[in-house]
């Protein structure tokens, strides 16, 4: 994915760009970095945001794509996320870097 493709993806929505970053397909150039600099920090995650992991965290028993809920904002870069099963029973509570999470949305923008 080159810079023009990335900009087109960003115009369609953040999802494609985030997915490309997570999969390692997107190599950011110095020109592209400012475009994405506010991706997470400009829209900091807050308590009760529903998120999905963008990578595996084996020590916490969390795999890429699992859905959790932010239960605490720890600092500018990390949040505490609770991962629960379909019955609401928590199986992992983990400190996760915000750049390794995607905020999920349930309503149109």
PDB file of N, CA and C in Angstrom:
ATOM      1  N   UNK A   1       0.860  -1.167   0.000  1.00  0.00           N
ATOM      2  CA  UNK A   1       0.000   0.000   0.000  1.00  0.00           C
ATOM      3  C   UNK A   1       0.907   1.232   0.000  1.00  0.00           C
ATOM      4  N   UNK A   2       0.742   2.104  -0.966  1.00  0.00           N
ATOM      5  CA  UNK A   2       1.544   3.322  -1.004  1.00  0.00           C
ATOM      6  C   UNK A   2       0.765   4.477  -0.360  1.00  0.00           C
ATOM      7  N   UNK A   3       1.371   5.649  -0.359  1.00  0.00           N
ATOM      8  CA  UNK A   3       0.788   6.807   0.322  1.00  0.00           C
ATOM      9  C   UNK A   3      -0.586   7.165  -0.247  1.00  0.00           C
ATOM     10  N   UNK A   4      -0.737   7.145  -1.577  1.00  0.00           N
ATOM     11  CA  UNK A   4      -2.025   7.492  -2.201  1.00  0.00           C
ATOM     12  C   UNK A   4      -3.096   6.472  -1.821  1.00  0.00           C
ATOM     13  N   UNK A   5      -2.723   5.176  -1.814  1.00  0.00           N
ATOM     14  CA  UNK A   5      -3.671   4.138  -1.408  1.00  0.00           C
ATOM     15  C   UNK A   5      -4.096   4.336   0.044  1.00  0.00           C
ATOM     16  N   UNK A   6      -3.125   4.696   0.896  1.00  0.00           N
ATOM     17  CA  UNK A   6      -3.428   4.901   2.302  1.00  0.00           C
ATOM     18  C   UNK A   6      -4.395   6.073   2.473  1.00  0.00           C
ATOM     19  N   UNK A   7      -4.155   7.162   1.760  1.00  0.00           N
ATOM     20  CA  UNK A   7      -5.057   8.310   1.865  1.00  0.00           C
ATOM     21  C   UNK A   7      -6.461   7.952   1.395  1.00  0.00           C
ATOM     22  N   UNK A   8      -6.553   7.173   0.326  1.00  0.00           N
ATOM     23  CA  UNK A   8      -7.868   6.745  -0.155  1.00  0.00           C
ATOM     24  C   UNK A   8      -8.554   5.881   0.892  1.00  0.00           C
ATOM     25  N   UNK A   9      -7.808   4.996   1.526  1.00  0.00           N
ATOM     26  CA  UNK A   9      -8.370   4.144   2.578  1.00  0.00           C
ATOM     27  C   UNK A   9      -8.844   4.990   3.751  1.00  0.00           C
ATOM     28  N   UNK A  10      -8.072   6.006   4.092  1.00  0.00           N
ATOM     29  CA  UNK A  10      -8.446   6.870   5.208  1.00  0.00           C
ATOM     30  C   UNK A  10      -9.712   7.653   4.896  1.00  0.00           C
ATOM     31  N   UNK A  11      -9.883   8.029   3.623  1.00  0.00           N
ATOM     32  CA  UNK A  11     -11.090   8.742   3.237  1.00  0.00           C
ATOM     33  C   UNK A  11     -12.313   7.834   3.319  1.00  0.00           C
ATOM     34  N   UNK A  12     -12.139   6.525   3.046  1.00  0.00           N
ATOM     35  CA  UNK A  12     -13.244   5.566   3.151  1.00  0.00           C
ATOM     36  C   UNK A  12     -13.540   5.223   4.603  1.00  0.00           C
ATOM     37  N   UNK A  13     -12.559   5.368   5.457  1.00  0.00           N
ATOM     38  CA  UNK A  13     -12.739   5.023   6.870  1.00  0.00           C
ATOM     39  C   UNK A  13     -11.453   4.452   7.416  1.00  0.00           C
ATOM     40  N   UNK A  14     -11.276   4.577   8.710  1.00  0.00           N
ATOM     41  CA  UNK A  14     -10.028   4.157   9.360  1.00  0.00           C
ATOM     42  C   UNK A  14      -9.823   2.652   9.313  1.00  0.00           C
ATOM     43  N   UNK A  15     -10.873   1.870   9.196  1.00  0.00           N
ATOM     44  CA  UNK A  15     -10.769   0.420   9.305  1.00  0.00           C
ATOM     45  C   UNK A  15      -9.753  -0.205   8.376  1.00  0.00           C
ATOM     46  N   UNK A  16      -9.729   0.183   7.108  1.00  0.00           N
ATOM     47  CA  UNK A  16      -8.801  -0.402   6.147  1.00  0.00           C
ATOM     48  C   UNK A  16      -7.365  -0.085   6.518  1.00  0.00           C
ATOM     49  N   UNK A  17      -7.112   1.158   6.917  1.00  0.00           N
ATOM     50  CA  UNK A  17      -5.752   1.551   7.287  1.00  0.00           C
ATOM     51  C   UNK A  17      -5.300   0.814   8.532  1.00  0.00           C
ATOM     52  N   UNK A  18      -6.186   0.688   9.532  1.00  0.00           N
ATOM     53  CA  UNK A  18      -5.824  -0.011  10.764  1.00  0.00           C
ATOM     54  C   UNK A  18      -5.551  -1.476  10.469  1.00  0.00           C
ATOM     55  N   UNK A  19      -6.394  -2.088   9.644  1.00  0.00           N
ATOM     56  CA  UNK A  19      -6.202  -3.491   9.299  1.00  0.00           C
ATOM     57  C   UNK A  19      -4.870  -3.693   8.578  1.00  0.00           C
ATOM     58  N   UNK A  20      -4.508  -2.776   7.698  1.00  0.00           N
ATOM     59  CA  UNK A  20      -3.244  -2.872   6.978  1.00  0.00           C
ATOM     60  C   UNK A  20      -2.065  -2.697   7.921  1.00  0.00           C
ATOM     61  N   UNK A  21      -2.187  -1.767   8.873  1.00  0.00           N
ATOM     62  CA  UNK A  21      -1.127  -1.587   9.858  1.00  0.00           C
ATOM     63  C   UNK A  21      -0.957  -2.849  10.687  1.00  0.00           C
ATOM     64  N   UNK A  22      -2.062  -3.417  11.146  1.00  0.00           N
ATOM     65  CA  UNK A  22      -2.023  -4.595  12.002  1.00  0.00           C
ATOM     66  C   UNK A  22      -1.421  -5.789  11.271  1.00  0.00           C
ATOM     67  N   UNK A  23      -1.708  -5.912  10.002  1.00  0.00           N
ATOM     68  CA  UNK A  23      -1.218  -7.044   9.226  1.00  0.00           C
ATOM     69  C   UNK A  23       0.208  -6.835   8.744  1.00  0.00           C
ATOM     70  N   UNK A  24       0.769  -5.671   8.999  1.00  0.00           N
ATOM     71  CA  UNK A  24       2.137  -5.394   8.584  1.00  0.00           C
ATOM     72  C   UNK A  24       2.276  -5.099   7.106  1.00  0.00           C
ATOM     73  N   UNK A  25       1.157  -4.864   6.423  1.00  0.00           N
ATOM     74  CA  UNK A  25       1.207  -4.586   4.982  1.00  0.00           C
ATOM     75  C   UNK A  25       1.483  -3.123   4.688  1.00  0.00           C
ATOM     76  N   UNK A  26       1.335  -2.268   5.686  1.00  0.00           N
ATOM     77  CA  UNK A  26       1.481  -0.842   5.454  1.00  0.00           C
ATOM     78  C   UNK A  26       2.809  -0.382   6.042  1.00  0.00           C
ATOM     79  N   UNK A  27       3.676   0.098   5.198  1.00  0.00           N
ATOM     80  CA  UNK A  27       4.949   0.645   5.634  1.00  0.00           C
ATOM     81  C   UNK A  27       4.824   2.165   5.592  1.00  0.00           C
ATOM     82  N   UNK A  28       4.903   2.793   6.753  1.00  0.00           N
ATOM     83  CA  UNK A  28       4.727   4.241   6.806  1.00  0.00           C
ATOM     84  C   UNK A  28       6.010   4.959   6.432  1.00  0.00           C
ATOM     85  N   UNK A  29       5.878   5.937   5.567  1.00  0.00           N
ATOM     86  CA  UNK A  29       7.006   6.801   5.252  1.00  0.00           C
ATOM     87  C   UNK A  29       6.944   8.002   6.182  1.00  0.00           C
ATOM     88  N   UNK A  30       7.985   8.812   6.201  1.00  0.00           N
ATOM     89  CA  UNK A  30       7.992  10.015   7.036  1.00  0.00           C
ATOM     90  C   UNK A  30       6.868  10.962   6.615  1.00  0.00           C
ATOM     91  N   UNK A  31       6.487  10.934   5.333  1.00  0.00           N
ATOM     92  CA  UNK A  31       5.403  11.783   4.854  1.00  0.00           C
ATOM     93  C   UNK A  31       4.066  11.302   5.382  1.00  0.00           C
ATOM     94  N   UNK A  32       3.897   9.997   5.509  1.00  0.00           N
ATOM     95  CA  UNK A  32       2.615   9.435   5.920  1.00  0.00           C
ATOM     96  C   UNK A  32       2.406   9.474   7.432  1.00  0.00           C
ATOM     97  N   UNK A  33       3.473   9.480   8.213  1.00  0.00           N
ATOM     98  CA  UNK A  33       3.326   9.410   9.667  1.00  0.00           C
ATOM     99  C   UNK A  33       2.409  10.480  10.248  1.00  0.00           C
ATOM    100  N   UNK A  34       2.505  11.753   9.833  1.00  0.00           N
ATOM    101  CA  UNK A  34       1.611  12.751  10.422  1.00  0.00           C
ATOM    102  C   UNK A  34       0.133  12.491  10.153  1.00  0.00           C
ATOM    103  N   UNK A  35      -0.166  11.820   9.038  1.00  0.00           N
ATOM    104  CA  UNK A  35      -1.557  11.528   8.697  1.00  0.00           C
ATOM    105  C   UNK A  35      -2.169  10.611   9.746  1.00  0.00           C
ATOM    106  N   UNK A  36      -1.390   9.655  10.249  1.00  0.00           N
ATOM    107  CA  UNK A  36      -1.898   8.684  11.210  1.00  0.00           C
ATOM    108  C   UNK A  36      -1.568   9.030  12.654  1.00  0.00           C
ATOM    109  N   UNK A  37      -0.854  10.108  12.891  1.00  0.00           N
ATOM    110  CA  UNK A  37      -0.407  10.400  14.249  1.00  0.00           C
ATOM    111  C   UNK A  37      -1.552  10.566  15.235  1.00  0.00           C
ATOM    112  N   UNK A  38      -2.707  11.009  14.787  1.00  0.00           N
ATOM    113  CA  UNK A  38      -3.836  11.178  15.690  1.00  0.00           C
ATOM    114  C   UNK A  38      -4.796  10.018  15.684  1.00  0.00           C
ATOM    115  N   UNK A  39      -4.443   8.919  15.032  1.00  0.00           N
ATOM    116  CA  UNK A  39      -5.352   7.788  14.896  1.00  0.00           C
ATOM    117  C   UNK A  39      -5.836   7.291  16.251  1.00  0.00           C
ATOM    118  N   UNK A  40      -4.935   7.140  17.209  1.00  0.00           N
ATOM    119  CA  UNK A  40      -5.327   6.663  18.528  1.00  0.00           C
ATOM    120  C   UNK A  40      -5.339   7.795  19.536  1.00  0.00           C
ATOM    121  N   UNK A  41      -4.294   8.608  19.547  1.00  0.00           N
ATOM    122  CA  UNK A  41      -4.185   9.632  20.571  1.00  0.00           C
ATOM    123  C   UNK A  41      -5.173  10.770  20.359  1.00  0.00           C
ATOM    124  N   UNK A  42      -5.526  11.061  19.112  1.00  0.00           N
ATOM    125  CA  UNK A  42      -6.514  12.095  18.858  1.00  0.00           C
ATOM    126  C   UNK A  42      -7.906  11.645  19.278  1.00  0.00           C
ATOM    127  N   UNK A  43      -8.152  10.362  19.224  1.00  0.00           N
ATOM    128  CA  UNK A  43      -9.433   9.784  19.640  1.00  0.00           C
ATOM    129  C   UNK A  43      -9.150   8.788  20.754  1.00  0.00           C
ATOM    130  N   UNK A  44      -8.583   9.274  21.848  1.00  0.00           N
ATOM    131  CA  UNK A  44      -8.179   8.393  22.938  1.00  0.00           C
ATOM    132  C   UNK A  44      -9.351   7.539  23.388  1.00  0.00           C
ATOM    133  N   UNK A  45      -9.048   6.309  23.691  1.00  0.00           N
ATOM    134  CA  UNK A  45     -10.078   5.405  24.176  1.00  0.00           C
ATOM    135  C   UNK A  45     -10.415   5.757  25.615  1.00  0.00           C
ATOM    136  N   UNK A  46     -11.675   5.535  25.955  1.00  0.00           N
ATOM    137  CA  UNK A  46     -12.111   5.879  27.308  1.00  0.00           C
ATOM    138  C   UNK A  46     -12.872   4.699  27.902  1.00  0.00           C
ATOM    139  N   UNK A  47     -13.204   4.813  29.169  1.00  0.00           N
ATOM    140  CA  UNK A  47     -13.911   3.735  29.853  1.00  0.00           C
ATOM    141  C   UNK A  47     -15.179   3.349  29.102  1.00  0.00           C
ATOM    142  N   UNK A  48     -15.422   2.064  29.073  1.00  0.00           N
ATOM    143  CA  UNK A  48     -16.605   1.438  28.476  1.00  0.00           C
ATOM    144  C   UNK A  48     -16.589   1.406  26.947  1.00  0.00           C
ATOM    145  N   UNK A  49     -15.504   1.862  26.303  1.00  0.00           N
ATOM    146  CA  UNK A  49     -15.387   1.687  24.858  1.00  0.00           C
ATOM    147  C   UNK A  49     -15.227   0.196  24.561  1.00  0.00           C
ATOM    148  N   UNK A  50     -15.892  -0.266  23.518  1.00  0.00           N
ATOM    149  CA  UNK A  50     -15.758  -1.650  23.075  1.00  0.00           C
ATOM    150  C   UNK A  50     -14.642  -1.681  22.042  1.00  0.00           C
ATOM    151  N   UNK A  51     -13.687  -2.602  22.238  1.00  0.00           N
ATOM    152  CA  UNK A  51     -12.493  -2.643  21.406  1.00  0.00           C
ATOM    153  C   UNK A  51     -12.220  -4.071  20.945  1.00  0.00           C
ATOM    154  N   UNK A  52     -11.384  -4.189  19.916  1.00  0.00           N
ATOM    155  CA  UNK A  52     -10.900  -5.496  19.447  1.00  0.00           C
ATOM    156  C   UNK A  52      -9.383  -5.456  19.413  1.00  0.00           C
ATOM    157  N   UNK A  53      -8.754  -6.559  19.780  1.00  0.00           N
ATOM    158  CA  UNK A  53      -7.286  -6.634  19.771  1.00  0.00           C
ATOM    159  C   UNK A  53      -6.781  -6.780  18.343  1.00  0.00           C
ATOM    160  N   UNK A  54      -5.671  -6.127  18.062  1.00  0.00           N
ATOM    161  CA  UNK A  54      -5.076  -6.175  16.725  1.00  0.00           C
ATOM    162  C   UNK A  54      -3.912  -7.158  16.640  1.00  0.00           C
ATOM    163  N   UNK A  55      -3.591  -7.798  17.752  1.00  0.00           N
ATOM    164  CA  UNK A  55      -2.533  -8.808  17.754  1.00  0.00           C
ATOM    165  C   UNK A  55      -2.788  -9.780  18.898  1.00  0.00           C
ATOM    166  N   UNK A  56      -2.049 -10.880  18.913  1.00  0.00           N
ATOM    167  CA  UNK A  56      -2.144 -11.854  19.994  1.00  0.00           C
ATOM    168  C   UNK A  56      -1.399 -11.356  21.225  1.00  0.00           C
ATOM    169  N   UNK A  57      -1.954 -11.646  22.401  1.00  0.00           N
ATOM    170  CA  UNK A  57      -1.312 -11.406  23.684  1.00  0.00           C
ATOM    171  C   UNK A  57      -1.390 -12.726  24.453  1.00  0.00           C
ATOM    172  N   UNK A  58      -0.490 -13.683  24.125  1.00  0.00           N
ATOM    173  CA  UNK A  58      -0.598 -15.035  24.683  1.00  0.00           C
ATOM    174  C   UNK A  58      -0.531 -15.092  26.212  1.00  0.00           C
ATOM    175  N   UNK A  59       0.261 -14.228  26.834  1.00  0.00           N
ATOM    176  CA  UNK A  59       0.373 -14.244  28.294  1.00  0.00           C
ATOM    177  C   UNK A  59      -0.965 -13.917  28.948  1.00  0.00           C
ATOM    178  N   UNK A  60      -1.792 -13.134  28.281  1.00  0.00           N
ATOM    179  CA  UNK A  60      -3.099 -12.734  28.821  1.00  0.00           C
ATOM    180  C   UNK A  60      -4.241 -13.594  28.256  1.00  0.00           C
ATOM    181  N   UNK A  61      -3.917 -14.600  27.435  1.00  0.00           N
ATOM    182  CA  UNK A  61      -4.908 -15.468  26.805  1.00  0.00           C
ATOM    183  C   UNK A  61      -5.850 -14.690  25.884  1.00  0.00           C
ATOM    184  N   UNK A  62      -5.285 -13.717  25.183  1.00  0.00           N
ATOM    185  CA  UNK A  62      -6.050 -12.892  24.239  1.00  0.00           C
ATOM    186  C   UNK A  62      -5.435 -13.081  22.855  1.00  0.00           C
ATOM    187  N   UNK A  63      -6.294 -13.363  21.879  1.00  0.00           N
ATOM    188  CA  UNK A  63      -5.812 -13.509  20.507  1.00  0.00           C
ATOM    189  C   UNK A  63      -6.354 -12.374  19.642  1.00  0.00           C
ATOM    190  N   UNK A  64      -5.701 -12.162  18.534  1.00  0.00           N
ATOM    191  CA  UNK A  64      -6.094 -11.111  17.594  1.00  0.00           C
ATOM    192  C   UNK A  64      -7.575 -11.226  17.255  1.00  0.00           C
ATOM    193  N   UNK A  65      -8.281 -10.098  17.345  1.00  0.00           N
ATOM    194  CA  UNK A  65      -9.685 -10.049  16.984  1.00  0.00           C
ATOM    195  C   UNK A  65     -10.651 -10.217  18.146  1.00  0.00           C
ATOM    196  N   UNK A  66     -10.143 -10.575  19.321  1.00  0.00           N
ATOM    197  CA  UNK A  66     -11.059 -10.736  20.446  1.00  0.00           C
ATOM    198  C   UNK A  66     -11.575  -9.384  20.904  1.00  0.00           C
ATOM    199  N   UNK A  67     -12.831  -9.376  21.323  1.00  0.00           N
ATOM    200  CA  UNK A  67     -13.520  -8.158  21.712  1.00  0.00           C
ATOM    201  C   UNK A  67     -13.522  -8.027  23.226  1.00  0.00           C
ATOM    202  N   UNK A  68     -13.249  -6.791  23.687  1.00  0.00           N
ATOM    203  CA  UNK A  68     -13.255  -6.513  25.117  1.00  0.00           C
ATOM    204  C   UNK A  68     -13.795  -5.125  25.384  1.00  0.00           C
ATOM    205  N   UNK A  69     -13.804  -4.755  26.656  1.00  0.00           N
ATOM    206  CA  UNK A  69     -14.304  -3.456  27.086  1.00  0.00           C
ATOM    207  C   UNK A  69     -13.226  -2.748  27.891  1.00  0.00           C
ATOM    208  N   UNK A  70     -12.980  -1.487  27.565  1.00  0.00           N
ATOM    209  CA  UNK A  70     -12.020  -0.692  28.337  1.00  0.00           C
ATOM    210  C   UNK A  70     -12.628  -0.438  29.713  1.00  0.00           C
ATOM    211  N   UNK A  71     -11.888  -0.827  30.761  1.00  0.00           N
ATOM    212  CA  UNK A  71     -12.395  -0.631  32.122  1.00  0.00           C
ATOM    213  C   UNK A  71     -11.595   0.427  32.883  1.00  0.00           C
ATOM    214  N   UNK A  72     -10.441   0.829  32.330  1.00  0.00           N
ATOM    215  CA  UNK A  72      -9.669   1.893  32.974  1.00  0.00           C
ATOM    216  C   UNK A  72      -8.669   2.480  31.984  1.00  0.00           C
ATOM    217  N   UNK A  73      -8.518   3.797  32.037  1.00  0.00           N
ATOM    218  CA  UNK A  73      -7.499   4.481  31.250  1.00  0.00           C
ATOM    219  C   UNK A  73      -6.265   4.583  32.135  1.00  0.00           C
ATOM    220  N   UNK A  74      -5.148   3.947  31.736  1.00  0.00           N
ATOM    221  CA  UNK A  74      -3.961   3.912  32.580  1.00  0.00           C
ATOM    222  C   UNK A  74      -3.027   5.087  32.333  1.00  0.00           C
ATOM    223  N   UNK A  75      -2.790   5.410  31.078  1.00  0.00           N
ATOM    224  CA  UNK A  75      -1.965   6.566  30.708  1.00  0.00           C
ATOM    225  C   UNK A  75      -2.310   6.934  29.277  1.00  0.00           C
ATOM    226  N   UNK A  76      -1.502   7.766  28.651  1.00  0.00           N
ATOM    227  CA  UNK A  76      -1.796   8.205  27.275  1.00  0.00           C
ATOM    228  C   UNK A  76      -1.662   7.085  26.248  1.00  0.00           C
ATOM    229  N   UNK A  77      -1.011   5.988  26.627  1.00  0.00           N
ATOM    230  CA  UNK A  77      -0.739   4.930  25.658  1.00  0.00           C
ATOM    231  C   UNK A  77      -1.363   3.583  25.993  1.00  0.00           C
ATOM    232  N   UNK A  78      -1.854   3.396  27.220  1.00  0.00           N
ATOM    233  CA  UNK A  78      -2.330   2.084  27.657  1.00  0.00           C
ATOM    234  C   UNK A  78      -3.691   2.168  28.334  1.00  0.00           C
ATOM    235  N   UNK A  79      -4.480   1.109  28.131  1.00  0.00           N
ATOM    236  CA  UNK A  79      -5.761   0.974  28.815  1.00  0.00           C
ATOM    237  C   UNK A  79      -5.858  -0.437  29.387  1.00  0.00           C
ATOM    238  N   UNK A  80      -6.697  -0.574  30.399  1.00  0.00           N
ATOM    239  CA  UNK A  80      -6.991  -1.878  30.970  1.00  0.00           C
ATOM    240  C   UNK A  80      -8.263  -2.378  30.302  1.00  0.00           C
ATOM    241  N   UNK A  81      -8.193  -3.566  29.713  1.00  0.00           N
ATOM    242  CA  UNK A  81      -9.316  -4.109  28.947  1.00  0.00           C
ATOM    243  C   UNK A  81      -9.766  -5.423  29.583  1.00  0.00           C
ATOM    244  N   UNK A  82     -11.075  -5.543  29.750  1.00  0.00           N
ATOM    245  CA  UNK A  82     -11.652  -6.796  30.236  1.00  0.00           C
ATOM    246  C   UNK A  82     -12.208  -7.559  29.043  1.00  0.00           C
ATOM    247  N   UNK A  83     -11.790  -8.812  28.919  1.00  0.00           N
ATOM    248  CA  UNK A  83     -12.287  -9.705  27.879  1.00  0.00           C
ATOM    249  C   UNK A  83     -13.187 -10.732  28.562  1.00  0.00           C
ATOM    250  N   UNK A  84     -14.419 -10.866  28.084  1.00  0.00           N
ATOM    251  CA  UNK A  84     -15.389 -11.763  28.709  1.00  0.00           C
ATOM    252  C   UNK A  84     -16.009 -12.683  27.662  1.00  0.00           C
ATOM    253  N   UNK A  85     -16.509 -13.819  28.136  1.00  0.00           N
ATOM    254  CA  UNK A  85     -17.179 -14.748  27.219  1.00  0.00           C
ATOM    255  C   UNK A  85     -18.620 -14.294  26.969  1.00  0.00           C
ATOM    256  N   UNK A  86     -19.371 -15.068  26.194  1.00  0.00           N
ATOM    257  CA  UNK A  86     -20.732 -14.666  25.818  1.00  0.00           C
ATOM    258  C   UNK A  86     -21.678 -14.614  27.016  1.00  0.00           C
ATOM    259  N   UNK A  87     -21.295 -15.237  28.121  1.00  0.00           N
ATOM    260  CA  UNK A  87     -22.109 -15.199  29.339  1.00  0.00           C
ATOM    261  C   UNK A  87     -21.713 -14.044  30.256  1.00  0.00           C
ATOM    262  N   UNK A  88     -20.724 -13.255  29.825  1.00  0.00           N
ATOM    263  CA  UNK A  88     -20.291 -12.109  30.625  1.00  0.00           C
ATOM    264  C   UNK A  88     -19.262 -12.438  31.684  1.00  0.00           C
ATOM    265  N   UNK A  89     -18.722 -13.662  31.665  1.00  0.00           N
ATOM    266  CA  UNK A  89     -17.709 -14.060  32.638  1.00  0.00           C
ATOM    267  C   UNK A  89     -16.332 -13.666  32.099  1.00  0.00           C
ATOM    268  N   UNK A  90     -15.631 -12.833  32.870  1.00  0.00           N
ATOM    269  CA  UNK A  90     -14.314 -12.357  32.436  1.00  0.00           C
ATOM    270  C   UNK A  90     -13.305 -13.508  32.446  1.00  0.00           C
ATOM    271  N   UNK A  91     -12.543 -13.627  31.353  1.00  0.00           N
ATOM    272  CA  UNK A  91     -11.484 -14.632  31.293  1.00  0.00           C
ATOM    273  C   UNK A  91     -10.111 -13.980  31.206  1.00  0.00           C
ATOM    274  N   UNK A  92     -10.073 -12.654  30.972  1.00  0.00           N
ATOM    275  CA  UNK A  92      -8.799 -11.937  30.935  1.00  0.00           C
ATOM    276  C   UNK A  92      -9.036 -10.464  31.217  1.00  0.00           C
ATOM    277  N   UNK A  93      -8.156  -9.908  32.018  1.00  0.00           N
ATOM    278  CA  UNK A  93      -8.113  -8.461  32.234  1.00  0.00           C
ATOM    279  C   UNK A  93      -6.662  -8.085  31.998  1.00  0.00           C
ATOM    280  N   UNK A  94      -6.431  -7.294  30.959  1.00  0.00           N
ATOM    281  CA  UNK A  94      -5.061  -7.058  30.509  1.00  0.00           C
ATOM    282  C   UNK A  94      -4.800  -5.594  30.202  1.00  0.00           C
ATOM    283  N   UNK A  95      -3.565  -5.175  30.494  1.00  0.00           N
ATOM    284  CA  UNK A  95      -3.092  -3.860  30.074  1.00  0.00           C
ATOM    285  C   UNK A  95      -2.664  -3.990  28.620  1.00  0.00           C
ATOM    286  N   UNK A  96      -3.279  -3.184  27.745  1.00  0.00           N
ATOM    287  CA  UNK A  96      -3.028  -3.279  26.303  1.00  0.00           C
ATOM    288  C   UNK A  96      -2.671  -1.889  25.781  1.00  0.00           C
ATOM    289  N   UNK A  97      -1.604  -1.791  24.950  1.00  0.00           N
ATOM    290  CA  UNK A  97      -1.308  -0.511  24.312  1.00  0.00           C
ATOM    291  C   UNK A  97      -2.453  -0.116  23.372  1.00  0.00           C
ATOM    292  N   UNK A  98      -2.852   1.148  23.404  1.00  0.00           N
ATOM    293  CA  UNK A  98      -3.964   1.606  22.565  1.00  0.00           C
ATOM    294  C   UNK A  98      -3.706   1.396  21.079  1.00  0.00           C
ATOM    295  N   UNK A  99      -2.431   1.425  20.667  1.00  0.00           N
ATOM    296  CA  UNK A  99      -2.157   1.242  19.243  1.00  0.00           C
ATOM    297  C   UNK A  99      -2.310  -0.216  18.812  1.00  0.00           C
ATOM    298  N   UNK A 100      -2.625  -1.096  19.756  1.00  0.00           N
ATOM    299  CA  UNK A 100      -2.885  -2.492  19.441  1.00  0.00           C
ATOM    300  C   UNK A 100      -4.368  -2.848  19.608  1.00  0.00           C
ATOM    301  N   UNK A 101      -5.210  -1.801  19.659  1.00  0.00           N
ATOM    302  CA  UNK A 101      -6.645  -1.979  19.785  1.00  0.00           C
ATOM    303  C   UNK A 101      -7.368  -1.188  18.715  1.00  0.00           C
ATOM    304  N   UNK A 102      -8.499  -1.699  18.287  1.00  0.00           N
ATOM    305  CA  UNK A 102      -9.374  -0.967  17.381  1.00  0.00           C
ATOM    306  C   UNK A 102     -10.677  -0.704  18.131  1.00  0.00           C
ATOM    307  N   UNK A 103     -11.084   0.560  18.167  1.00  0.00           N
ATOM    308  CA  UNK A 103     -12.346   0.936  18.798  1.00  0.00           C
ATOM    309  C   UNK A 103     -13.479   0.519  17.866  1.00  0.00           C
ATOM    310  N   UNK A 104     -14.440  -0.236  18.405  1.00  0.00           N
ATOM    311  CA  UNK A 104     -15.570  -0.698  17.607  1.00  0.00           C
ATOM    312  C   UNK A 104     -16.744   0.258  17.755  1.00  0.00           C
ATOM    313  N   UNK A 105     -17.533   0.361  16.692  1.00  0.00           N
ATOM    314  CA  UNK A 105     -18.660   1.271  16.677  1.00  0.00           C
ATOM    315  C   UNK A 105     -19.919   0.494  16.306  1.00  0.00           C
ATOM    316  N   UNK A 106     -21.019   0.803  16.960  1.00  0.00           N
ATOM    317  CA  UNK A 106     -22.261   0.089  16.715  1.00  0.00           C
ATOM    318  C   UNK A 106     -23.297   0.955  16.005  1.00  0.00           C
ATOM    319  N   UNK A 107     -22.927   2.179  15.654  1.00  0.00           N
ATOM    320  CA  UNK A 107     -23.855   3.089  14.974  1.00  0.00           C
ATOM    321  C   UNK A 107     -23.122   3.758  13.817  1.00  0.00           C
ATOM    322  N   UNK A 108     -23.832   4.188  12.798  1.00  0.00           N
ATOM    323  CA  UNK A 108     -23.184   4.876  11.675  1.00  0.00           C
ATOM    324  C   UNK A 108     -22.562   6.192  12.136  1.00  0.00           C
ATOM    325  N   UNK A 109     -21.538   6.588  11.436  1.00  0.00           N
ATOM    326  CA  UNK A 109     -20.823   7.831  11.776  1.00  0.00           C
ATOM    327  C   UNK A 109     -21.639   9.049  11.451  1.00  0.00           C
TER     328      UNK A 109
END
